[in-house]
Amino acid sequence: MNSARSAVASPGHPRKAGQRPLATSAPVRRTTAAPAKAHERKAVTVLTPRELDVLKLVTQGLSNPDIARRLVLSEHTVHRHLANILRKLDLSSRAAAAAWAVRTGLV
């Protein structure tokens, strides 16, 4: 029998078959901010200039209809741009996108 699959979960910490046990002897160290910054710079280059325009206006707190009027676009187009931004940056909400823009110095 495969030893990785026969591992017994510790009380209160169930594991799926084949899942590695959690290390408890040393604290987990998070990566430094430098890789995140490099990732964030790359993400800015992935966004189109129009997506950046939309993101800047989202950061100002504008709604989709307001952004559409400001950029002379349909609301549907603004919605699509925002969906593309969230997908490209792997974010879940416009608030997260606004926070990302502030954190990266975009605005």
N, C-alpha and C. Protein backbone atom coordinates (compact mmCIF):
# COMPACT_ATOMS: atom_id res chain seq x y z
N MET A 1 0.85 -1.19 0.00
CA MET A 1 0.00 0.00 0.00
C MET A 1 0.89 1.24 0.00
N ASN A 2 0.49 2.27 -0.72
CA ASN A 2 1.24 3.51 -0.82
C ASN A 2 1.22 4.24 0.52
N SER A 3 2.40 4.54 1.08
CA SER A 3 2.47 5.15 2.40
C SER A 3 1.85 6.54 2.43
N ALA A 4 1.93 7.28 1.31
CA ALA A 4 1.33 8.62 1.28
C ALA A 4 -0.18 8.53 1.37
N ARG A 5 -0.75 7.50 0.82
CA ARG A 5 -2.20 7.35 0.86
C ARG A 5 -2.69 6.76 2.17
N SER A 6 -1.81 6.10 2.88
CA SER A 6 -2.24 5.47 4.12
C SER A 6 -2.01 6.37 5.33
N ALA A 7 -1.53 7.59 5.10
CA ALA A 7 -1.27 8.49 6.22
C ALA A 7 -2.57 8.78 6.96
N VAL A 8 -2.47 8.82 8.25
CA VAL A 8 -3.64 9.07 9.08
C VAL A 8 -3.66 10.53 9.47
N ALA A 9 -4.80 11.15 9.35
CA ALA A 9 -4.93 12.57 9.69
C ALA A 9 -4.88 12.74 11.20
N SER A 10 -4.28 13.84 11.62
CA SER A 10 -4.26 14.12 13.05
C SER A 10 -5.64 14.58 13.48
N PRO A 11 -5.98 14.44 14.75
CA PRO A 11 -7.31 14.83 15.22
C PRO A 11 -7.58 16.30 14.91
N GLY A 12 -8.74 16.55 14.34
CA GLY A 12 -9.14 17.91 14.03
C GLY A 12 -8.59 18.44 12.72
N HIS A 13 -7.76 17.68 12.05
CA HIS A 13 -7.17 18.12 10.79
C HIS A 13 -7.29 17.02 9.75
N PRO A 14 -8.49 16.77 9.24
CA PRO A 14 -8.65 15.71 8.24
C PRO A 14 -7.93 16.06 6.95
N ARG A 15 -7.40 15.04 6.30
CA ARG A 15 -6.72 15.23 5.02
C ARG A 15 -7.32 14.29 4.01
N LYS A 16 -7.23 14.66 2.77
CA LYS A 16 -7.65 13.79 1.69
C LYS A 16 -6.53 12.80 1.42
N ALA A 17 -6.87 11.70 0.79
CA ALA A 17 -5.88 10.68 0.45
C ALA A 17 -4.81 11.30 -0.43
N GLY A 18 -3.57 11.04 -0.10
CA GLY A 18 -2.46 11.54 -0.90
C GLY A 18 -2.00 12.94 -0.53
N GLN A 19 -2.70 13.61 0.35
CA GLN A 19 -2.34 14.97 0.75
C GLN A 19 -1.22 14.92 1.78
N ARG A 20 -0.22 15.77 1.63
CA ARG A 20 0.91 15.80 2.55
C ARG A 20 0.49 16.38 3.89
N PRO A 21 1.08 15.89 4.97
CA PRO A 21 0.76 16.45 6.29
C PRO A 21 1.33 17.86 6.42
N LEU A 22 0.71 18.66 7.26
CA LEU A 22 1.18 20.01 7.51
C LEU A 22 2.42 19.96 8.39
N ALA A 23 3.41 20.78 8.08
CA ALA A 23 4.60 20.87 8.91
C ALA A 23 4.26 21.72 10.13
N THR A 24 4.59 21.23 11.30
CA THR A 24 4.27 21.98 12.51
C THR A 24 5.51 22.41 13.27
N SER A 25 6.68 21.98 12.82
CA SER A 25 7.88 22.27 13.59
C SER A 25 8.40 23.69 13.38
N ALA A 26 8.15 24.31 12.24
CA ALA A 26 8.65 25.66 11.98
C ALA A 26 7.54 26.50 11.37
N PRO A 27 7.50 27.78 11.68
CA PRO A 27 6.47 28.64 11.09
C PRO A 27 6.69 28.77 9.58
N VAL A 28 5.60 28.96 8.87
CA VAL A 28 5.67 29.14 7.43
C VAL A 28 6.11 30.56 7.15
N ARG A 29 7.12 30.72 6.31
CA ARG A 29 7.59 32.05 5.96
C ARG A 29 6.97 32.44 4.63
N ARG A 30 6.43 33.60 4.59
CA ARG A 30 5.85 34.12 3.35
C ARG A 30 6.96 34.68 2.47
N THR A 31 6.70 34.71 1.18
CA THR A 31 7.70 35.27 0.28
C THR A 31 7.81 36.76 0.49
N THR A 32 8.90 37.34 0.08
CA THR A 32 9.10 38.78 0.25
C THR A 32 8.21 39.54 -0.71
N ALA A 33 8.14 40.84 -0.54
CA ALA A 33 7.28 41.67 -1.37
C ALA A 33 7.81 41.80 -2.79
N ALA A 34 9.09 41.58 -3.00
CA ALA A 34 9.67 41.77 -4.34
C ALA A 34 9.00 40.93 -5.42
N PRO A 35 8.77 39.62 -5.21
CA PRO A 35 8.10 38.87 -6.26
C PRO A 35 6.69 39.38 -6.54
N ALA A 36 5.98 39.80 -5.50
CA ALA A 36 4.64 40.33 -5.71
C ALA A 36 4.71 41.60 -6.55
N LYS A 37 5.67 42.45 -6.28
CA LYS A 37 5.81 43.68 -7.04
C LYS A 37 6.10 43.37 -8.51
N ALA A 38 6.98 42.41 -8.76
CA ALA A 38 7.28 42.03 -10.14
C ALA A 38 6.03 41.50 -10.82
N HIS A 39 5.24 40.70 -10.09
CA HIS A 39 4.00 40.17 -10.63
C HIS A 39 3.03 41.31 -10.93
N GLU A 40 2.96 42.28 -10.03
CA GLU A 40 2.04 43.40 -10.22
C GLU A 40 2.46 44.25 -11.42
N ARG A 41 3.77 44.47 -11.60
CA ARG A 41 4.23 45.23 -12.76
C ARG A 41 3.87 44.50 -14.04
N LYS A 42 4.03 43.19 -14.05
CA LYS A 42 3.69 42.40 -15.22
C LYS A 42 2.20 42.51 -15.51
N ALA A 43 1.36 42.50 -14.47
CA ALA A 43 -0.08 42.58 -14.66
C ALA A 43 -0.48 43.90 -15.31
N VAL A 44 0.21 44.98 -14.97
CA VAL A 44 -0.10 46.27 -15.57
C VAL A 44 0.14 46.21 -17.07
N THR A 45 1.18 45.52 -17.49
CA THR A 45 1.46 45.42 -18.93
C THR A 45 0.49 44.49 -19.63
N VAL A 46 -0.18 43.62 -18.89
CA VAL A 46 -1.15 42.71 -19.48
C VAL A 46 -2.46 43.43 -19.78
N LEU A 47 -2.79 44.45 -18.99
CA LEU A 47 -4.02 45.18 -19.20
C LEU A 47 -3.89 46.12 -20.41
N THR A 48 -4.98 46.22 -21.16
CA THR A 48 -4.98 47.14 -22.30
C THR A 48 -5.08 48.58 -21.78
N PRO A 49 -4.73 49.55 -22.61
CA PRO A 49 -4.86 50.95 -22.17
C PRO A 49 -6.30 51.29 -21.75
N ARG A 50 -7.29 50.73 -22.43
CA ARG A 50 -8.68 51.01 -22.09
C ARG A 50 -9.06 50.37 -20.76
N GLU A 51 -8.55 49.16 -20.53
CA GLU A 51 -8.80 48.51 -19.24
C GLU A 51 -8.18 49.32 -18.11
N LEU A 52 -7.00 49.88 -18.35
CA LEU A 52 -6.37 50.74 -17.34
C LEU A 52 -7.23 51.98 -17.09
N ASP A 53 -7.80 52.56 -18.15
CA ASP A 53 -8.70 53.72 -17.99
C ASP A 53 -9.88 53.34 -17.10
N VAL A 54 -10.49 52.19 -17.39
CA VAL A 54 -11.63 51.74 -16.61
C VAL A 54 -11.22 51.49 -15.16
N LEU A 55 -10.09 50.85 -14.96
CA LEU A 55 -9.62 50.55 -13.60
C LEU A 55 -9.38 51.84 -12.81
N LYS A 56 -8.81 52.85 -13.44
CA LYS A 56 -8.57 54.12 -12.74
C LYS A 56 -9.89 54.75 -12.29
N LEU A 57 -10.92 54.65 -13.14
CA LEU A 57 -12.23 55.23 -12.78
C LEU A 57 -12.93 54.38 -11.71
N VAL A 58 -12.75 53.07 -11.76
CA VAL A 58 -13.29 52.20 -10.70
C VAL A 58 -12.67 52.60 -9.37
N THR A 59 -11.37 52.89 -9.38
CA THR A 59 -10.67 53.27 -8.17
C THR A 59 -11.20 54.59 -7.60
N GLN A 60 -11.72 55.43 -8.47
CA GLN A 60 -12.31 56.70 -8.02
C GLN A 60 -13.72 56.51 -7.47
N GLY A 61 -14.23 55.27 -7.56
CA GLY A 61 -15.55 54.97 -7.01
C GLY A 61 -16.69 55.14 -7.98
N LEU A 62 -16.40 55.31 -9.25
CA LEU A 62 -17.46 55.49 -10.24
C LEU A 62 -18.16 54.17 -10.53
N SER A 63 -19.45 54.27 -10.83
CA SER A 63 -20.24 53.09 -11.19
C SER A 63 -20.04 52.80 -12.68
N ASN A 64 -20.49 51.64 -13.12
CA ASN A 64 -20.37 51.30 -14.55
C ASN A 64 -21.07 52.32 -15.45
N PRO A 65 -22.30 52.77 -15.11
CA PRO A 65 -22.93 53.79 -15.97
C PRO A 65 -22.12 55.10 -16.01
N ASP A 66 -21.56 55.49 -14.86
CA ASP A 66 -20.75 56.71 -14.83
C ASP A 66 -19.48 56.56 -15.67
N ILE A 67 -18.84 55.39 -15.57
CA ILE A 67 -17.64 55.13 -16.36
C ILE A 67 -17.99 55.13 -17.85
N ALA A 68 -19.12 54.53 -18.19
CA ALA A 68 -19.55 54.48 -19.59
C ALA A 68 -19.74 55.88 -20.15
N ARG A 69 -20.38 56.75 -19.38
CA ARG A 69 -20.58 58.14 -19.83
C ARG A 69 -19.24 58.86 -19.96
N ARG A 70 -18.36 58.68 -19.00
CA ARG A 70 -17.08 59.37 -18.99
C ARG A 70 -16.21 58.95 -20.17
N LEU A 71 -16.23 57.65 -20.52
CA LEU A 71 -15.38 57.14 -21.60
C LEU A 71 -16.11 56.99 -22.93
N VAL A 72 -17.37 57.38 -22.95
CA VAL A 72 -18.21 57.28 -24.14
C VAL A 72 -18.22 55.82 -24.65
N LEU A 73 -18.64 54.94 -23.75
CA LEU A 73 -18.77 53.52 -24.04
C LEU A 73 -20.16 53.07 -23.61
N SER A 74 -20.56 51.88 -24.05
CA SER A 74 -21.80 51.32 -23.53
C SER A 74 -21.52 50.72 -22.15
N GLU A 75 -22.56 50.58 -21.35
CA GLU A 75 -22.40 49.96 -20.04
C GLU A 75 -21.92 48.52 -20.19
N HIS A 76 -22.38 47.85 -21.22
CA HIS A 76 -21.96 46.48 -21.46
C HIS A 76 -20.45 46.40 -21.70
N THR A 77 -19.92 47.33 -22.47
CA THR A 77 -18.48 47.35 -22.74
C THR A 77 -17.69 47.58 -21.45
N VAL A 78 -18.16 48.48 -20.62
CA VAL A 78 -17.50 48.73 -19.32
C VAL A 78 -17.54 47.45 -18.48
N HIS A 79 -18.70 46.80 -18.47
CA HIS A 79 -18.83 45.55 -17.72
C HIS A 79 -17.84 44.51 -18.22
N ARG A 80 -17.68 44.40 -19.54
CA ARG A 80 -16.74 43.44 -20.13
C ARG A 80 -15.31 43.79 -19.77
N HIS A 81 -14.96 45.08 -19.87
CA HIS A 81 -13.60 45.51 -19.49
C HIS A 81 -13.32 45.14 -18.03
N LEU A 82 -14.28 45.40 -17.16
CA LEU A 82 -14.08 45.10 -15.74
C LEU A 82 -13.94 43.58 -15.53
N ALA A 83 -14.74 42.80 -16.22
CA ALA A 83 -14.62 41.35 -16.12
C ALA A 83 -13.25 40.88 -16.60
N ASN A 84 -12.74 41.47 -17.67
CA ASN A 84 -11.41 41.12 -18.17
C ASN A 84 -10.32 41.50 -17.17
N ILE A 85 -10.47 42.66 -16.55
CA ILE A 85 -9.50 43.12 -15.54
C ILE A 85 -9.45 42.12 -14.39
N LEU A 86 -10.62 41.75 -13.88
CA LEU A 86 -10.69 40.83 -12.75
C LEU A 86 -10.08 39.47 -13.12
N ARG A 87 -10.35 39.01 -14.33
CA ARG A 87 -9.81 37.73 -14.77
C ARG A 87 -8.29 37.79 -14.91
N LYS A 88 -7.79 38.84 -15.56
CA LYS A 88 -6.34 38.96 -15.79
C LYS A 88 -5.56 39.12 -14.49
N LEU A 89 -6.14 39.82 -13.52
CA LEU A 89 -5.46 40.05 -12.25
C LEU A 89 -5.81 39.00 -11.20
N ASP A 90 -6.68 38.07 -11.57
CA ASP A 90 -7.11 37.01 -10.67
C ASP A 90 -7.69 37.60 -9.39
N LEU A 91 -8.63 38.53 -9.57
CA LEU A 91 -9.30 39.18 -8.45
C LEU A 91 -10.78 38.85 -8.49
N SER A 92 -11.48 39.06 -7.38
CA SER A 92 -12.88 38.65 -7.31
C SER A 92 -13.89 39.79 -7.27
N SER A 93 -13.44 41.03 -7.12
CA SER A 93 -14.40 42.13 -7.02
C SER A 93 -13.77 43.44 -7.49
N ARG A 94 -14.64 44.40 -7.77
CA ARG A 94 -14.14 45.72 -8.18
C ARG A 94 -13.41 46.40 -7.02
N ALA A 95 -13.82 46.12 -5.79
CA ALA A 95 -13.12 46.67 -4.63
C ALA A 95 -11.70 46.12 -4.56
N ALA A 96 -11.54 44.83 -4.84
CA ALA A 96 -10.20 44.23 -4.85
C ALA A 96 -9.36 44.83 -5.97
N ALA A 97 -9.99 45.10 -7.11
CA ALA A 97 -9.27 45.71 -8.23
C ALA A 97 -8.82 47.12 -7.87
N ALA A 98 -9.69 47.87 -7.20
CA ALA A 98 -9.35 49.24 -6.78
C ALA A 98 -8.19 49.19 -5.77
N ALA A 99 -8.26 48.27 -4.83
CA ALA A 99 -7.19 48.14 -3.84
C ALA A 99 -5.87 47.78 -4.53
N TRP A 100 -5.93 46.89 -5.52
CA TRP A 100 -4.74 46.49 -6.26
C TRP A 100 -4.14 47.70 -6.98
N ALA A 101 -5.00 48.52 -7.59
CA ALA A 101 -4.52 49.71 -8.31
C ALA A 101 -3.84 50.69 -7.39
N VAL A 102 -4.37 50.87 -6.19
CA VAL A 102 -3.75 51.76 -5.21
C VAL A 102 -2.43 51.18 -4.72
N ARG A 103 -2.43 49.88 -4.42
CA ARG A 103 -1.24 49.22 -3.90
C ARG A 103 -0.07 49.25 -4.90
N THR A 104 -0.39 49.16 -6.19
CA THR A 104 0.66 49.15 -7.21
C THR A 104 1.07 50.55 -7.66
N GLY A 105 0.38 51.57 -7.13
CA GLY A 105 0.72 52.93 -7.50
C GLY A 105 0.12 53.37 -8.82
N LEU A 106 -0.85 52.64 -9.31
CA LEU A 106 -1.49 52.99 -10.58
C LEU A 106 -2.24 54.31 -10.45
N VAL A 107 -2.79 54.56 -9.27
CA VAL A 107 -3.50 55.83 -9.04
C VAL A 107 -2.93 56.54 -7.83
